[in-house]
Amino acid sequence: MKNELVEFLRLHSCCAGLSLSELESIAELASFRTYASGETVIEAGDSFYSLSLVISGLFEVRASTNLATPIIYLGPRDEIGFLHIMHDSASPVTIRATEPS
């Protein structure tokens, strides 16, 4: 599984330019999480201090100002949490799984 994860990371844009040893280090620290359909990943206003790379499933993103309509969908190879980490701020969006992951 580690080799598959290293390959997944190597192809992901957030890991562009990292060496093989750096990718292997990340893979060593990685953990896996699954979400059921309808399960919330993050609620608007919450803090989120991890970066999640979507391997499978589909997630809807809804702005806190309009929870009725998704603004975007995230799927395989997308990331969740990048902006929250970079800006050290509460999430302006709610993210929920629409398909199991």
Protein backbone atom coordinates (compact mmCIF):
# COMPACT_ATOMS: atom_id res chain seq x y z
CA MET A 1 0.00 0.00 0.00
CA LYS A 2 2.89 2.39 0.71
CA ASN A 3 4.10 2.20 -2.89
CA GLU A 4 0.59 2.95 -4.15
CA LEU A 5 0.35 5.94 -1.82
CA VAL A 6 3.75 7.26 -2.91
CA GLU A 7 2.64 6.99 -6.53
CA PHE A 8 -0.66 8.77 -5.75
CA LEU A 9 1.26 11.56 -4.00
CA ARG A 10 3.79 11.81 -6.83
CA LEU A 11 0.98 12.51 -9.30
CA HIS A 12 -0.80 15.03 -7.05
CA SER A 13 -0.25 18.73 -7.71
CA CYS A 14 0.30 19.57 -4.04
CA CYS A 15 3.37 17.32 -4.02
CA ALA A 16 4.92 18.61 -7.23
CA GLY A 17 8.66 18.95 -6.94
CA LEU A 18 9.06 16.69 -3.90
CA SER A 19 11.76 14.04 -3.96
CA LEU A 20 11.06 10.34 -3.64
CA SER A 21 12.38 10.34 -0.06
CA GLU A 22 10.10 13.26 0.83
CA LEU A 23 7.09 11.46 -0.67
CA GLU A 24 8.00 8.32 1.26
CA SER A 25 8.21 10.35 4.49
CA ILE A 26 4.74 11.77 3.88
CA ALA A 27 3.40 8.29 3.11
CA GLU A 28 4.82 7.03 6.42
CA LEU A 29 2.87 9.70 8.31
CA ALA A 30 -0.35 9.43 6.32
CA SER A 31 -3.53 8.00 7.72
CA PHE A 32 -6.66 6.94 5.88
CA ARG A 33 -10.20 8.04 6.62
CA THR A 34 -13.42 6.93 5.00
CA TYR A 35 -16.67 8.86 4.89
CA ALA A 36 -20.20 7.56 4.48
CA SER A 37 -22.56 9.32 2.11
CA GLY A 38 -23.98 12.36 3.93
CA GLU A 39 -21.17 12.48 6.51
CA THR A 40 -19.72 15.94 7.20
CA VAL A 41 -15.97 16.40 6.75
CA ILE A 42 -15.94 19.98 8.03
CA GLU A 43 -18.63 22.41 9.09
CA ALA A 44 -18.45 26.10 8.17
CA GLY A 45 -16.86 28.02 11.04
CA ASP A 46 -14.82 25.07 12.30
CA SER A 47 -11.04 24.92 12.28
CA PHE A 48 -9.41 22.28 10.11
CA TYR A 49 -5.75 21.50 10.60
CA SER A 50 -5.09 18.68 8.18
CA LEU A 51 -4.79 18.20 4.48
CA SER A 52 -6.92 15.44 2.99
CA LEU A 53 -6.33 14.09 -0.48
CA VAL A 54 -9.39 12.51 -2.04
CA ILE A 55 -8.68 9.02 -3.34
CA SER A 56 -12.28 8.01 -4.00
CA GLY A 57 -15.80 9.29 -3.47
CA LEU A 58 -17.44 12.64 -4.10
CA PHE A 59 -17.78 15.62 -1.77
CA GLU A 60 -19.97 18.71 -2.06
CA VAL A 61 -18.79 22.11 -0.90
CA ARG A 62 -21.36 24.63 0.29
CA ALA A 63 -20.66 28.23 1.27
CA SER A 64 -21.77 29.28 4.75
CA THR A 65 -23.77 32.09 3.15
CA ASN A 66 -25.81 29.69 0.97
CA LEU A 67 -26.01 26.16 2.31
CA ALA A 68 -28.81 25.30 -0.12
CA THR A 69 -26.64 25.08 -3.24
CA PRO A 70 -23.27 23.35 -3.66
CA ILE A 71 -20.63 25.68 -5.10
CA ILE A 72 -18.31 22.88 -6.21
CA TYR A 73 -17.82 19.13 -6.02
CA LEU A 74 -14.53 17.49 -5.08
CA GLY A 75 -13.47 14.05 -6.25
CA PRO A 76 -10.41 11.88 -6.73
CA ARG A 77 -7.14 13.85 -6.80
CA ASP A 78 -8.72 16.93 -5.18
CA GLU A 79 -7.64 18.15 -1.77
CA ILE A 80 -9.61 19.26 1.27
CA GLY A 81 -8.18 21.69 3.79
CA PHE A 82 -5.35 23.30 1.83
CA LEU A 83 -6.61 26.88 2.15
CA HIS A 84 -7.46 26.43 5.84
CA ILE A 85 -3.90 25.34 6.59
CA MET A 86 -2.31 28.10 4.52
CA HIS A 87 -4.45 30.85 6.04
CA ASP A 88 -4.88 29.38 9.55
CA SER A 89 -8.53 30.34 9.51
CA ALA A 90 -11.93 28.86 10.19
CA SER A 91 -13.57 27.16 7.27
CA PRO A 92 -15.93 29.36 5.23
CA VAL A 93 -17.53 26.24 3.76
CA THR A 94 -19.24 23.02 4.79
CA ILE A 95 -17.95 19.88 3.06
CA ARG A 96 -19.99 16.65 3.00
CA ALA A 97 -19.56 13.32 1.31
CA THR A 98 -22.20 12.69 -1.34
CA GLU A 99 -20.76 9.27 -2.16
CA PRO A 100 -18.88 6.89 0.13
CA SER A 101 -15.14 7.37 0.07
